N, C-alpha and C. Protein backbone atom coordinates (compact mmCIF):
# COMPACT_ATOMS: atom_id res chain seq x y z
N MET A 1 110.15 102.96 126.59
CA MET A 1 109.73 104.14 126.50
C MET A 1 109.21 104.74 128.02
N GLU A 2 109.59 105.64 128.69
CA GLU A 2 109.45 105.96 130.32
C GLU A 2 108.10 106.33 130.29
N ALA A 3 107.52 106.01 131.89
CA ALA A 3 106.30 105.88 132.39
C ALA A 3 105.67 107.32 131.68
N SER A 4 104.48 107.46 131.32
CA SER A 4 103.61 108.74 131.20
C SER A 4 103.57 109.44 131.42
N ASN A 5 103.45 109.43 132.83
CA ASN A 5 103.42 110.69 133.49
C ASN A 5 104.40 111.68 133.19
N GLY A 6 105.67 111.62 133.24
CA GLY A 6 107.14 111.82 132.73
C GLY A 6 107.11 111.99 131.16
N LEU A 7 106.59 111.14 130.33
CA LEU A 7 106.28 111.78 129.17
C LEU A 7 105.21 112.78 129.01
N ARG A 8 104.13 112.45 129.54
CA ARG A 8 103.80 113.86 129.33
C ARG A 8 104.12 115.14 130.02
N GLU A 9 105.13 115.49 131.17
CA GLU A 9 105.80 117.08 131.70
C GLU A 9 106.76 117.08 130.53
N ARG A 10 107.54 116.21 129.76
CA ARG A 10 108.24 116.15 128.91
C ARG A 10 108.42 116.67 127.39
N LEU A 11 106.74 116.32 127.22
CA LEU A 11 105.79 116.64 125.57
C LEU A 11 105.22 117.69 125.96
N ARG A 12 104.34 119.20 127.32
CA ARG A 12 104.28 120.04 127.62
C ARG A 12 103.84 120.74 126.33
N HIS A 13 105.31 121.19 125.88
CA HIS A 13 105.41 122.61 124.85
C HIS A 13 105.53 121.90 123.25
N VAL A 14 104.24 120.48 123.02
CA VAL A 14 104.23 119.73 122.25
C VAL A 14 102.30 119.68 121.86
N ARG A 15 101.75 120.09 120.49
CA ARG A 15 100.81 120.70 119.93
C ARG A 15 100.64 120.05 118.96
N TRP A 16 99.53 119.01 118.79
CA TRP A 16 99.55 118.12 117.46
C TRP A 16 98.08 118.58 116.78
N ILE A 17 98.47 118.69 115.23
CA ILE A 17 97.52 118.24 114.76
C ILE A 17 97.75 117.07 113.73
N ALA A 18 96.90 116.70 113.93
CA ALA A 18 96.77 114.96 113.23
C ALA A 18 95.41 114.95 112.07
N GLY A 19 94.73 113.94 111.83
CA GLY A 19 93.66 113.51 111.45
C GLY A 19 94.16 112.54 110.04
N GLY A 20 93.24 113.21 108.88
CA GLY A 20 92.89 111.85 107.29
C GLY A 20 93.73 112.86 106.54
N SER A 21 94.42 112.01 105.60
CA SER A 21 95.29 112.05 104.00
C SER A 21 94.00 113.49 103.97
N GLY A 22 94.85 114.53 102.94
CA GLY A 22 93.92 115.69 102.30
C GLY A 22 93.60 116.46 103.85
N ALA A 23 94.02 116.65 104.53
CA ALA A 23 92.54 116.97 105.09
C ALA A 23 93.07 118.05 105.89
N GLY A 24 94.34 119.09 105.00
CA GLY A 24 95.16 120.73 105.13
C GLY A 24 95.67 120.70 106.31
N LYS A 25 96.23 119.04 107.46
CA LYS A 25 97.24 119.25 108.06
C LYS A 25 98.70 120.22 107.97
N SER A 26 98.92 119.86 107.15
CA SER A 26 100.03 120.68 106.99
C SER A 26 99.90 121.95 106.95
N THR A 27 98.90 122.14 105.96
CA THR A 27 99.12 123.80 105.70
C THR A 27 98.56 124.73 107.05
N VAL A 28 98.00 123.98 107.65
CA VAL A 28 97.22 124.95 108.90
C VAL A 28 98.86 124.72 109.89
N ALA A 29 99.88 123.55 109.87
CA ALA A 29 100.24 123.55 111.43
C ALA A 29 101.57 124.42 110.18
N VAL A 30 101.18 124.42 109.69
CA VAL A 30 102.87 125.15 108.44
C VAL A 30 102.66 127.12 109.72
N ARG A 31 101.22 127.65 108.80
CA ARG A 31 100.69 128.18 109.64
C ARG A 31 100.56 128.86 110.71
N LEU A 32 100.48 128.08 112.07
CA LEU A 32 99.89 128.03 112.96
C LEU A 32 101.58 127.75 113.47
N ALA A 33 102.67 127.11 113.10
CA ALA A 33 103.99 127.52 113.35
C ALA A 33 104.60 128.60 113.34
N ALA A 34 104.26 129.64 112.27
CA ALA A 34 104.48 130.37 112.10
C ALA A 34 103.98 131.41 112.99
N GLU A 35 102.72 131.90 113.80
CA GLU A 35 102.57 132.82 113.45
C GLU A 35 102.71 132.52 115.04
N HIS A 36 102.68 131.44 115.22
CA HIS A 36 103.09 131.85 117.04
C HIS A 36 104.33 131.06 117.44
N GLY A 37 105.23 131.35 116.85
CA GLY A 37 106.80 130.99 116.89
C GLY A 37 107.30 129.51 117.09
N MET A 38 106.37 128.94 117.00
CA MET A 38 106.58 127.47 117.44
C MET A 38 107.55 126.75 116.19
N ARG A 39 108.14 125.37 116.09
CA ARG A 39 109.44 124.49 115.60
C ARG A 39 107.48 123.67 115.45
N LEU A 40 108.43 123.57 114.40
CA LEU A 40 107.14 121.78 112.94
C LEU A 40 107.92 120.96 113.11
N TYR A 41 107.25 120.10 113.40
CA TYR A 41 107.11 118.76 113.16
C TYR A 41 106.93 117.96 112.36
N ALA A 42 107.56 117.37 111.22
CA ALA A 42 106.35 117.25 110.24
C ALA A 42 106.29 115.28 109.89
N THR A 43 105.54 114.05 110.53
CA THR A 43 105.62 113.16 110.56
C THR A 43 105.95 112.72 109.40
N ASP A 44 104.88 113.44 108.20
CA ASP A 44 105.49 113.13 107.08
C ASP A 44 107.55 113.15 106.57
N ASP A 45 107.64 113.75 106.93
CA ASP A 45 109.24 113.73 106.41
C ASP A 45 110.07 113.10 106.96
N VAL A 46 109.99 112.42 108.19
CA VAL A 46 110.81 111.57 108.49
C VAL A 46 110.15 110.09 108.45
N MET A 47 109.11 109.60 107.26
CA MET A 47 108.76 108.17 106.83
C MET A 47 109.85 107.61 106.50
N ALA A 48 110.65 108.04 105.15
CA ALA A 48 111.78 107.35 105.13
C ALA A 48 112.53 106.84 106.39
N ASP A 49 112.92 107.86 107.13
CA ASP A 49 113.70 107.83 108.25
C ASP A 49 113.66 106.83 109.17
N HIS A 50 112.15 107.15 109.31
CA HIS A 50 111.74 106.10 110.54
C HIS A 50 112.16 104.54 109.98
N ALA A 51 111.31 104.29 108.37
CA ALA A 51 111.83 102.88 107.79
C ALA A 51 112.67 102.17 108.22
N ARG A 52 113.65 103.58 107.98
CA ARG A 52 115.44 102.83 107.84
C ARG A 52 115.69 102.11 109.05
N ARG A 53 115.07 102.82 110.33
CA ARG A 53 115.33 102.59 111.62
C ARG A 53 114.73 101.86 112.71
N ALA A 54 113.91 101.17 111.72
CA ALA A 54 112.51 100.05 112.43
C ALA A 54 112.82 98.75 111.87
N THR A 55 113.43 98.05 113.12
CA THR A 55 113.99 96.77 112.48
C THR A 55 112.59 95.82 111.97
N ALA A 56 112.63 94.34 111.85
CA ALA A 56 111.50 93.31 111.73
C ALA A 56 110.72 93.25 112.10
N ASP A 57 111.47 93.56 113.97
CA ASP A 57 111.32 93.05 114.95
C ASP A 57 109.91 93.88 115.13
N GLN A 58 110.60 95.04 115.22
CA GLN A 58 109.94 95.79 115.41
C GLN A 58 108.81 96.60 115.31
N ALA A 59 109.25 96.34 113.72
CA ALA A 59 107.29 97.42 112.52
C ALA A 59 107.77 95.85 111.60
N PRO A 60 106.87 94.79 112.07
CA PRO A 60 106.47 93.74 110.99
C PRO A 60 105.30 93.83 110.51
N PHE A 61 104.76 94.37 110.21
CA PHE A 61 103.97 94.92 109.00
C PHE A 61 104.19 95.55 107.63
N LEU A 62 105.30 96.93 108.60
CA LEU A 62 106.43 97.96 107.37
C LEU A 62 107.06 97.04 106.96
N HIS A 63 108.14 95.95 107.21
CA HIS A 63 108.70 95.27 106.42
C HIS A 63 107.96 94.42 105.55
N ARG A 64 106.51 93.78 105.99
CA ARG A 64 105.77 92.88 104.70
C ARG A 64 105.42 94.31 103.69
N PHE A 65 105.26 95.57 104.11
CA PHE A 65 104.94 96.17 102.89
C PHE A 65 106.10 96.55 101.55
N MET A 66 107.11 96.79 102.48
CA MET A 66 108.26 97.20 102.16
C MET A 66 108.83 95.64 101.13
N ALA A 67 108.58 94.96 100.66
CA ALA A 67 108.81 93.30 100.36
C ALA A 67 107.81 92.94 99.21
N MET A 68 106.91 94.16 98.79
CA MET A 68 105.30 93.93 98.08
C MET A 68 105.54 94.66 96.90
N ASP A 69 105.02 94.34 95.90
CA ASP A 69 105.49 95.29 94.75
C ASP A 69 104.19 95.86 94.57
N MET A 70 104.59 97.57 93.48
CA MET A 70 103.12 98.13 93.73
C MET A 70 101.51 98.25 93.16
N ASP A 71 101.68 96.82 93.06
CA ASP A 71 100.30 96.10 92.74
C ASP A 71 99.79 95.28 93.83
N GLU A 72 100.46 94.51 94.24
CA GLU A 72 100.50 93.97 95.91
C GLU A 72 100.19 94.51 96.72
N ARG A 73 100.30 95.80 96.63
CA ARG A 73 100.72 97.10 97.96
C ARG A 73 99.06 97.68 97.92
N TRP A 74 98.61 98.05 95.70
CA TRP A 74 97.83 98.80 95.58
C TRP A 74 96.24 98.59 95.02
N VAL A 75 96.67 97.23 94.13
CA VAL A 75 95.39 96.88 93.12
C VAL A 75 95.23 95.51 93.61
N LEU A 76 95.48 94.72 94.43
CA LEU A 76 95.10 93.07 94.58
C LEU A 76 94.71 93.10 95.64
N ARG A 77 94.83 93.78 96.60
CA ARG A 77 93.83 93.96 98.43
C ARG A 77 93.05 94.71 98.30
N SER A 78 91.94 94.05 98.69
CA SER A 78 90.81 94.91 99.30
C SER A 78 91.48 95.95 100.14
N PRO A 79 90.20 97.04 99.82
CA PRO A 79 90.66 98.43 101.00
C PRO A 79 90.66 97.95 102.50
N GLN A 80 89.81 97.17 102.72
CA GLN A 80 89.74 96.90 103.95
C GLN A 80 90.88 96.33 104.13
N ALA A 81 91.41 95.16 103.92
CA ALA A 81 92.59 94.68 103.90
C ALA A 81 94.19 95.42 103.65
N MET A 82 94.15 96.63 103.30
CA MET A 82 94.93 98.18 103.19
C MET A 82 94.57 98.38 104.06
N LEU A 83 93.37 99.03 104.53
CA LEU A 83 93.55 99.53 106.53
C LEU A 83 94.19 98.38 107.21
N GLU A 84 93.77 97.37 107.57
CA GLU A 84 94.24 96.75 109.07
C GLU A 84 95.44 96.71 108.80
N THR A 85 96.44 96.49 107.42
CA THR A 85 97.75 96.17 107.84
C THR A 85 98.56 97.16 107.46
N PHE A 86 97.85 98.06 106.77
CA PHE A 86 99.14 99.77 106.70
C PHE A 86 100.10 99.83 107.56
N HIS A 87 101.31 99.62 108.21
CA HIS A 87 102.14 100.12 109.32
C HIS A 87 101.45 101.09 110.28
N TRP A 88 101.33 102.14 109.92
CA TRP A 88 101.71 103.38 109.74
C TRP A 88 99.94 103.76 110.89
N PHE A 89 98.90 103.10 109.83
CA PHE A 89 97.67 102.62 110.72
C PHE A 89 97.98 102.48 111.70
N ARG A 90 98.87 101.46 112.38
CA ARG A 90 98.70 100.21 113.07
C ARG A 90 99.42 100.89 114.22
N GLY A 91 100.50 101.84 114.37
CA GLY A 91 101.05 102.40 115.32
C GLY A 91 101.99 102.33 115.10
N GLU A 92 102.81 101.65 113.98
CA GLU A 92 104.55 101.18 114.43
C GLU A 92 105.02 102.80 113.85
N GLY A 93 106.80 102.19 114.15
CA GLY A 93 107.41 103.55 114.44
C GLY A 93 106.40 104.95 115.30
N PHE A 94 105.34 104.45 115.58
CA PHE A 94 105.43 106.15 116.92
C PHE A 94 106.00 106.15 117.78
N GLY A 95 107.32 105.15 118.37
CA GLY A 95 107.56 105.34 118.74
C GLY A 95 108.85 106.24 119.17
N LEU A 96 109.11 106.40 117.48
CA LEU A 96 110.50 106.64 116.73
C LEU A 96 109.61 107.98 116.81
N ILE A 97 108.54 108.70 116.58
CA ILE A 97 108.06 110.11 116.63
C ILE A 97 108.44 110.60 118.29
N VAL A 98 108.18 110.11 119.18
CA VAL A 98 108.59 110.00 120.21
C VAL A 98 110.01 110.52 120.58
N GLU A 99 110.46 109.42 119.85
CA GLU A 99 112.02 109.44 120.22
C GLU A 99 112.58 110.92 119.92
N ASP A 100 111.77 110.89 118.53
CA ASP A 100 112.54 112.42 117.88
C ASP A 100 111.78 113.80 118.60
N LEU A 101 110.59 113.77 118.95
CA LEU A 101 110.27 115.15 119.46
C LEU A 101 110.78 114.99 121.19
N LEU A 102 111.05 114.02 121.53
CA LEU A 102 112.32 114.55 123.42
C LEU A 102 113.44 114.71 122.20
N ALA A 103 114.49 115.01 121.44
CA ALA A 103 115.44 114.86 121.36
C ALA A 103 115.64 116.45 120.58
N LEU A 104 114.04 116.97 120.33
CA LEU A 104 114.48 118.31 120.03
C LEU A 104 114.74 119.11 121.12
N PRO A 105 115.34 120.63 121.02
CA PRO A 105 115.52 121.59 121.95
C PRO A 105 113.89 121.95 122.55
N ALA A 106 113.76 122.11 124.50
CA ALA A 106 112.76 122.31 124.65
C ALA A 106 112.18 123.74 124.64
N ASP A 107 113.12 124.83 124.48
CA ASP A 107 113.14 125.68 124.48
C ASP A 107 111.99 126.57 123.56
N ARG A 108 111.37 125.92 123.06
CA ARG A 108 109.74 126.91 122.48
C ARG A 108 109.19 125.67 122.52
N GLY A 109 108.28 125.93 121.87
CA GLY A 109 106.66 125.19 121.70
C GLY A 109 107.11 124.42 120.34
N VAL A 110 106.26 122.67 119.88
CA VAL A 110 106.27 122.26 119.05
C VAL A 110 104.57 122.15 118.42
N ILE A 111 105.03 121.79 116.99
CA ILE A 111 103.33 121.32 116.75
C ILE A 111 104.10 120.40 115.64
N ALA A 112 103.85 119.39 116.25
CA ALA A 112 103.86 117.60 115.39
C ALA A 112 102.55 117.71 114.49
N GLU A 113 102.80 117.22 113.26
CA GLU A 113 101.63 117.15 111.95
C GLU A 113 101.25 115.88 111.66
N GLY A 114 100.48 115.39 111.36
CA GLY A 114 100.37 114.15 109.98
C GLY A 114 99.45 112.80 110.80
N PHE A 115 98.93 112.27 109.40
CA PHE A 115 98.15 111.47 109.58
C PHE A 115 99.00 110.03 110.99
N ARG A 116 100.40 110.35 110.99
CA ARG A 116 100.15 109.05 112.02
C ARG A 116 99.99 108.85 113.58
N LEU A 117 99.57 110.03 113.49
CA LEU A 117 99.30 110.58 115.19
C LEU A 117 98.28 110.14 115.40
N LEU A 118 98.09 109.05 115.83
CA LEU A 118 97.09 107.86 116.36
C LEU A 118 96.01 108.33 117.14
N PRO A 119 94.91 108.49 117.43
CA PRO A 119 94.32 109.30 118.99
C PRO A 119 94.40 108.31 119.99
N SER A 120 94.71 107.11 119.71
CA SER A 120 95.33 106.01 121.22
C SER A 120 96.06 106.20 121.86
N LEU A 121 97.77 106.41 120.49
CA LEU A 121 99.01 106.50 121.36
C LEU A 121 99.56 108.01 121.13
N VAL A 122 98.27 109.15 120.68
CA VAL A 122 98.26 110.66 121.59
C VAL A 122 98.04 110.70 122.78
N LYS A 123 96.65 110.43 122.79
CA LYS A 123 96.28 110.61 124.71
C LYS A 123 97.08 110.52 125.39
N PRO A 124 97.79 109.36 125.65
CA PRO A 124 98.67 109.06 126.99
C PRO A 124 99.74 110.53 126.94
N LEU A 125 100.36 110.65 126.54
CA LEU A 125 101.48 112.07 126.04
C LEU A 125 99.95 113.47 126.00
N LEU A 126 99.15 113.54 126.86
CA LEU A 126 98.46 114.78 126.60
C LEU A 126 98.70 115.25 128.18
N ALA A 127 98.83 116.08 128.35
CA ALA A 127 98.99 116.58 129.81
C ALA A 127 97.90 117.37 129.80
N SER A 128 97.07 117.84 128.90
CA SER A 128 95.94 118.18 128.44
C SER A 128 94.94 118.06 127.17
N ARG A 129 94.16 117.63 127.38
CA ARG A 129 93.22 117.71 126.06
C ARG A 129 93.01 118.86 124.59
N ASP A 130 93.23 119.79 125.45
CA ASP A 130 93.32 121.15 124.52
C ASP A 130 94.67 121.07 123.76
N GLN A 131 95.64 120.28 123.78
CA GLN A 131 97.30 120.44 122.99
C GLN A 131 97.10 119.45 121.95
N ALA A 132 95.54 118.92 121.47
CA ALA A 132 95.85 118.06 120.41
C ALA A 132 94.51 118.14 119.43
N VAL A 133 94.09 118.18 117.75
CA VAL A 133 93.32 117.90 117.66
C VAL A 133 93.16 117.74 116.09
N TRP A 134 92.18 116.66 115.37
CA TRP A 134 92.42 115.75 114.40
C TRP A 134 90.86 115.99 113.38
N LEU A 135 92.05 116.58 111.91
CA LEU A 135 91.35 117.32 111.35
C LEU A 135 90.62 115.75 110.07
N LEU A 136 89.54 115.74 110.05
CA LEU A 136 88.45 114.59 109.47
C LEU A 136 88.29 115.16 107.95
N PRO A 137 88.39 115.18 107.56
CA PRO A 137 87.98 115.23 105.50
C PRO A 137 86.74 114.47 105.62
N THR A 138 86.19 115.42 104.35
CA THR A 138 85.14 114.85 104.22
C THR A 138 85.90 114.17 102.72
N PRO A 139 84.29 113.33 102.07
CA PRO A 139 85.27 112.69 101.00
C PRO A 139 85.66 112.88 100.01
N ASP A 140 84.72 114.27 99.73
CA ASP A 140 84.78 115.12 98.49
C ASP A 140 86.30 115.92 98.65
N PHE A 141 86.30 117.34 99.75
CA PHE A 141 87.70 118.23 100.40
C PHE A 141 88.51 116.95 100.12
N ARG A 142 88.63 115.85 100.34
CA ARG A 142 89.55 114.89 100.54
C ARG A 142 90.37 114.39 99.01
N ASP A 143 89.49 114.44 98.65
CA ASP A 143 89.72 114.28 96.81
C ASP A 143 90.07 114.86 96.24
N ALA A 144 88.97 116.34 96.41
CA ALA A 144 89.84 117.73 95.85
C ALA A 144 91.63 117.89 96.25
N ALA A 145 91.57 117.57 97.13
CA ALA A 145 92.87 118.19 97.87
C ALA A 145 94.13 117.21 97.51
N ILE A 146 93.62 116.31 96.97
CA ILE A 146 94.63 115.54 96.75
C ILE A 146 94.69 115.31 94.85
N HIS A 147 94.14 115.73 94.42
CA HIS A 147 94.31 115.28 93.39
C HIS A 147 94.51 116.86 92.67
N GLY A 148 94.43 118.23 93.48
CA GLY A 148 94.81 119.16 93.43
C GLY A 148 96.06 119.35 93.64
N ARG A 149 96.93 118.59 94.60
CA ARG A 149 98.21 118.00 94.71
C ARG A 149 98.88 117.30 93.31
N GLU A 150 98.49 116.91 92.69
CA GLU A 150 98.89 116.20 91.78
C GLU A 150 97.73 115.97 90.65
N ALA A 151 97.52 116.22 89.68
CA ALA A 151 96.78 115.64 88.60
C ALA A 151 96.96 114.24 88.13
N GLY A 152 95.48 114.14 88.56
CA GLY A 152 95.02 112.29 88.19
C GLY A 152 95.57 111.33 89.43
N GLY A 153 95.71 112.09 90.32
CA GLY A 153 96.40 111.65 91.61
C GLY A 153 97.32 111.21 92.40
N PRO A 154 98.07 110.90 93.50
CA PRO A 154 99.38 110.83 93.79
C PRO A 154 100.02 109.51 92.86
N GLY A 155 101.54 110.32 92.54
CA GLY A 155 102.22 109.50 91.46
C GLY A 155 102.19 108.35 91.39
N PHE A 156 102.66 107.77 92.57
CA PHE A 156 103.19 106.32 92.91
C PHE A 156 101.59 105.79 92.43
N LEU A 157 100.77 105.56 92.51
CA LEU A 157 99.87 105.06 91.97
C LEU A 157 100.03 104.29 90.42
N ARG A 158 100.69 105.88 89.33
CA ARG A 158 100.65 105.53 88.41
C ARG A 158 101.60 104.16 87.60
N ARG A 159 102.34 104.08 89.26
CA ARG A 159 103.50 102.62 88.65
C ARG A 159 102.66 100.76 89.12
N THR A 160 101.69 101.19 89.02
CA THR A 160 100.74 100.16 88.86
C THR A 160 100.28 99.55 87.55
N SER A 161 99.71 98.54 87.95
CA SER A 161 98.78 98.06 86.30
C SER A 161 97.88 98.90 86.11
N ASP A 162 97.62 98.78 87.08
CA ASP A 162 96.67 99.39 86.76
C ASP A 162 95.59 100.52 87.75
N PRO A 163 96.09 101.95 87.71
CA PRO A 163 95.97 103.04 88.56
C PRO A 163 94.49 103.11 88.65
N GLU A 164 93.57 103.63 87.73
CA GLU A 164 92.97 103.61 88.38
C GLU A 164 91.52 102.87 89.32
N ARG A 165 91.98 101.30 89.52
CA ARG A 165 91.10 100.56 90.70
C ARG A 165 92.42 100.48 91.75
N ALA A 166 93.95 101.07 91.73
CA ALA A 166 94.62 101.62 92.46
C ALA A 166 94.28 102.96 93.10
N ALA A 167 93.62 104.36 92.35
CA ALA A 167 93.26 105.30 93.07
C ALA A 167 92.06 104.77 93.66
N ARG A 168 90.75 104.25 93.57
CA ARG A 168 89.91 103.79 93.99
C ARG A 168 90.30 102.78 95.70
N ASN A 169 91.07 102.05 95.52
CA ASN A 169 91.07 101.42 96.11
C ASN A 169 91.74 101.76 97.36
N LEU A 170 92.60 102.89 96.85
CA LEU A 170 93.92 104.18 98.27
C LEU A 170 92.03 104.57 98.73
N ALA A 171 91.44 105.16 98.03
CA ALA A 171 90.27 106.55 97.98
C ALA A 171 89.57 105.73 99.50
N GLU A 172 89.38 105.20 98.87
CA GLU A 172 88.58 103.87 99.74
C GLU A 172 88.88 103.27 101.22
N ARG A 173 90.05 103.45 101.10
CA ARG A 173 90.89 102.67 102.49
C ARG A 173 91.15 104.32 102.88
N GLU A 174 91.35 105.55 102.57
CA GLU A 174 91.38 106.46 103.24
C GLU A 174 89.85 107.10 103.98
N ARG A 175 89.07 106.95 103.36
CA ARG A 175 87.36 107.16 103.86
C ARG A 175 87.03 106.33 105.18
N ARG A 176 87.81 105.23 104.76
CA ARG A 176 87.36 104.14 106.49
C ARG A 176 88.44 104.62 107.29
N PHE A 177 89.81 104.87 107.15
CA PHE A 177 90.87 105.62 107.80
C PHE A 177 90.36 106.57 108.52
N THR A 178 89.66 107.76 108.31
CA THR A 178 88.86 108.72 108.14
C THR A 178 87.85 108.32 109.42
N GLU A 179 86.99 107.58 108.62
CA GLU A 179 85.75 106.82 108.98
C GLU A 179 86.25 106.34 111.40
N ARG A 180 87.60 105.50 111.23
CA ARG A 180 87.54 104.90 112.40
C ARG A 180 88.24 105.64 112.91
N LEU A 181 89.05 107.20 112.72
CA LEU A 181 89.22 108.55 113.42
C LEU A 181 88.33 109.17 114.10
N ARG A 182 87.23 109.32 113.15
CA ARG A 182 85.94 109.64 113.82
C ARG A 182 85.16 109.28 114.72
N GLU A 183 85.55 108.03 114.70
CA GLU A 183 84.72 107.22 116.09
C GLU A 183 85.84 106.81 117.20
N GLU A 184 86.71 106.92 117.04
CA GLU A 184 88.06 106.96 118.01
C GLU A 184 88.35 108.26 118.77
N THR A 185 88.57 109.53 117.71
CA THR A 185 87.99 110.58 118.84
C THR A 185 86.90 110.64 119.37
N ARG A 186 85.80 110.22 119.42
CA ARG A 186 84.55 110.45 120.08
C ARG A 186 84.34 109.61 121.48
N ARG A 187 84.94 108.49 121.11
CA ARG A 187 85.50 107.26 122.06
C ARG A 187 86.33 107.95 123.36
N LEU A 188 87.24 108.92 122.81
CA LEU A 188 88.19 108.56 124.08
C LEU A 188 88.24 110.57 124.44
N GLY A 189 87.03 110.63 123.70
CA GLY A 189 87.02 112.28 124.57
C GLY A 189 88.07 112.86 123.75
N LEU A 190 88.19 113.40 122.14
CA LEU A 190 89.96 114.27 122.01
C LEU A 190 88.65 114.85 120.65
N HIS A 191 89.34 116.24 120.75
CA HIS A 191 89.07 117.21 119.54
C HIS A 191 89.40 116.75 118.39
N ALA A 192 88.20 116.84 117.43
CA ALA A 192 87.80 116.90 116.36
C ALA A 192 87.35 117.32 115.29
N ILE A 193 87.65 118.43 113.79
CA ILE A 193 86.77 119.34 113.63
C ILE A 193 86.35 118.43 111.98
N GLU A 194 85.46 118.36 112.20
CA GLU A 194 84.86 117.62 110.06
C GLU A 194 85.48 118.87 109.65
N VAL A 195 86.44 118.75 108.23
CA VAL A 195 86.52 119.60 106.89
C VAL A 195 85.89 119.36 105.74
N ASP A 196 85.35 120.55 105.15
CA ASP A 196 84.58 120.26 104.61
C ASP A 196 84.51 120.80 103.13
N ALA A 197 84.20 121.25 101.95
CA ALA A 197 84.13 121.59 101.02
C ALA A 197 84.19 123.24 100.90
N THR A 198 83.13 123.45 101.98
CA THR A 198 83.01 124.92 102.54
C THR A 198 83.78 125.96 103.27
N MET A 199 85.07 125.14 103.49
CA MET A 199 85.88 125.71 104.90
C MET A 199 86.61 126.23 103.86
N THR A 200 87.66 127.19 103.93
CA THR A 200 89.06 127.37 103.54
C THR A 200 90.10 127.53 104.53
N GLU A 201 91.20 127.44 104.18
CA GLU A 201 92.20 127.92 104.87
C GLU A 201 91.99 128.10 106.22
N ASP A 202 91.62 129.62 106.18
CA ASP A 202 91.59 130.88 107.43
C ASP A 202 90.80 130.15 107.84
N ASP A 203 89.29 129.14 107.49
CA ASP A 203 88.20 129.03 108.61
C ASP A 203 89.26 127.51 109.62
N THR A 204 89.84 126.86 108.70
CA THR A 204 90.36 125.54 109.37
C THR A 204 91.13 125.78 110.25
N ALA A 205 92.34 127.25 110.12
CA ALA A 205 93.20 127.77 110.91
C ALA A 205 92.22 128.49 112.09
N ARG A 206 91.08 129.10 112.04
CA ARG A 206 90.67 129.26 112.82
C ARG A 206 89.75 128.56 114.68
N ARG A 207 89.43 127.66 113.39
CA ARG A 207 89.21 126.09 113.70
C ARG A 207 89.48 125.68 114.91
N VAL A 208 90.95 125.27 114.53
CA VAL A 208 92.07 124.62 115.14
C VAL A 208 92.53 125.94 116.15
N SER A 209 92.58 127.14 115.91
CA SER A 209 92.84 128.21 117.12
C SER A 209 92.35 128.23 117.97
N GLY A 210 91.06 127.64 118.29
CA GLY A 210 89.83 127.51 119.13
C GLY A 210 89.84 126.38 119.86
N ILE A 211 90.20 125.69 119.24
CA ILE A 211 90.47 124.86 120.02
C ILE A 211 91.79 124.66 120.86
N VAL A 212 92.58 124.47 120.26
CA VAL A 212 94.53 124.51 120.54
C VAL A 212 95.10 125.17 121.31
N ARG A 213 95.32 125.43 122.75
CA ARG A 213 95.68 126.03 123.27
C ARG A 213 97.31 126.30 123.27
N PHE A 214 97.78 127.13 122.38
CA PHE A 214 99.30 127.07 120.94
C PHE A 214 100.09 127.97 122.64
N SER A 215 99.74 128.53 123.53
CA SER A 215 100.70 129.10 124.90
C SER A 215 100.67 127.69 125.46
N THR A 216 102.56 127.62 126.00
CA THR A 216 102.67 126.90 127.01
C THR A 216 103.06 127.13 128.34
N PRO A 217 102.76 126.28 129.00
CA PRO A 217 102.96 127.03 130.98
C PRO A 217 104.15 126.78 131.23
């Protein structure tokens, strides 16, 4: 990967909306991309492609995860073990995100969004801290959002032998991940927004717009 200064210049037109699962990142990013005439790059949409592109040497935790059955992934391990070994939380594949962004035409701004945009990895790419924000959902807000997408929780958990335990493990892992993001954004001096049940989509979009400078020099 080229030097950080060069990357910062080449990515000056990118804005980053990141954070915990269920925080409304995708909804807000789609809305703001349309409002500002920007291209949207959703990191969730390229996870399967990145999993195919990443070798075992590049992404050892990813390949271990892919070798597990559903119970090994979601039922039999503690939430802390799930947090520490989840490949995307460890930054595996982030270089592929950067490659994708560099390959996009730079004729207009880009909003990159997703939980894979970890603060420590994004910060060196920022020409200004006003290019990025992390949305941090409260547990109640996150649970309502996730269950609202799919009654009973994420469908893949139903492929385990104990969906209820798997759902509890996943919820606790996500809570710990959000807490890690909260600590990391604070330590690195990056922008973060607490998203709770009192906030509407309009509220979140307004607060993001108050932080992120969407016009590009």
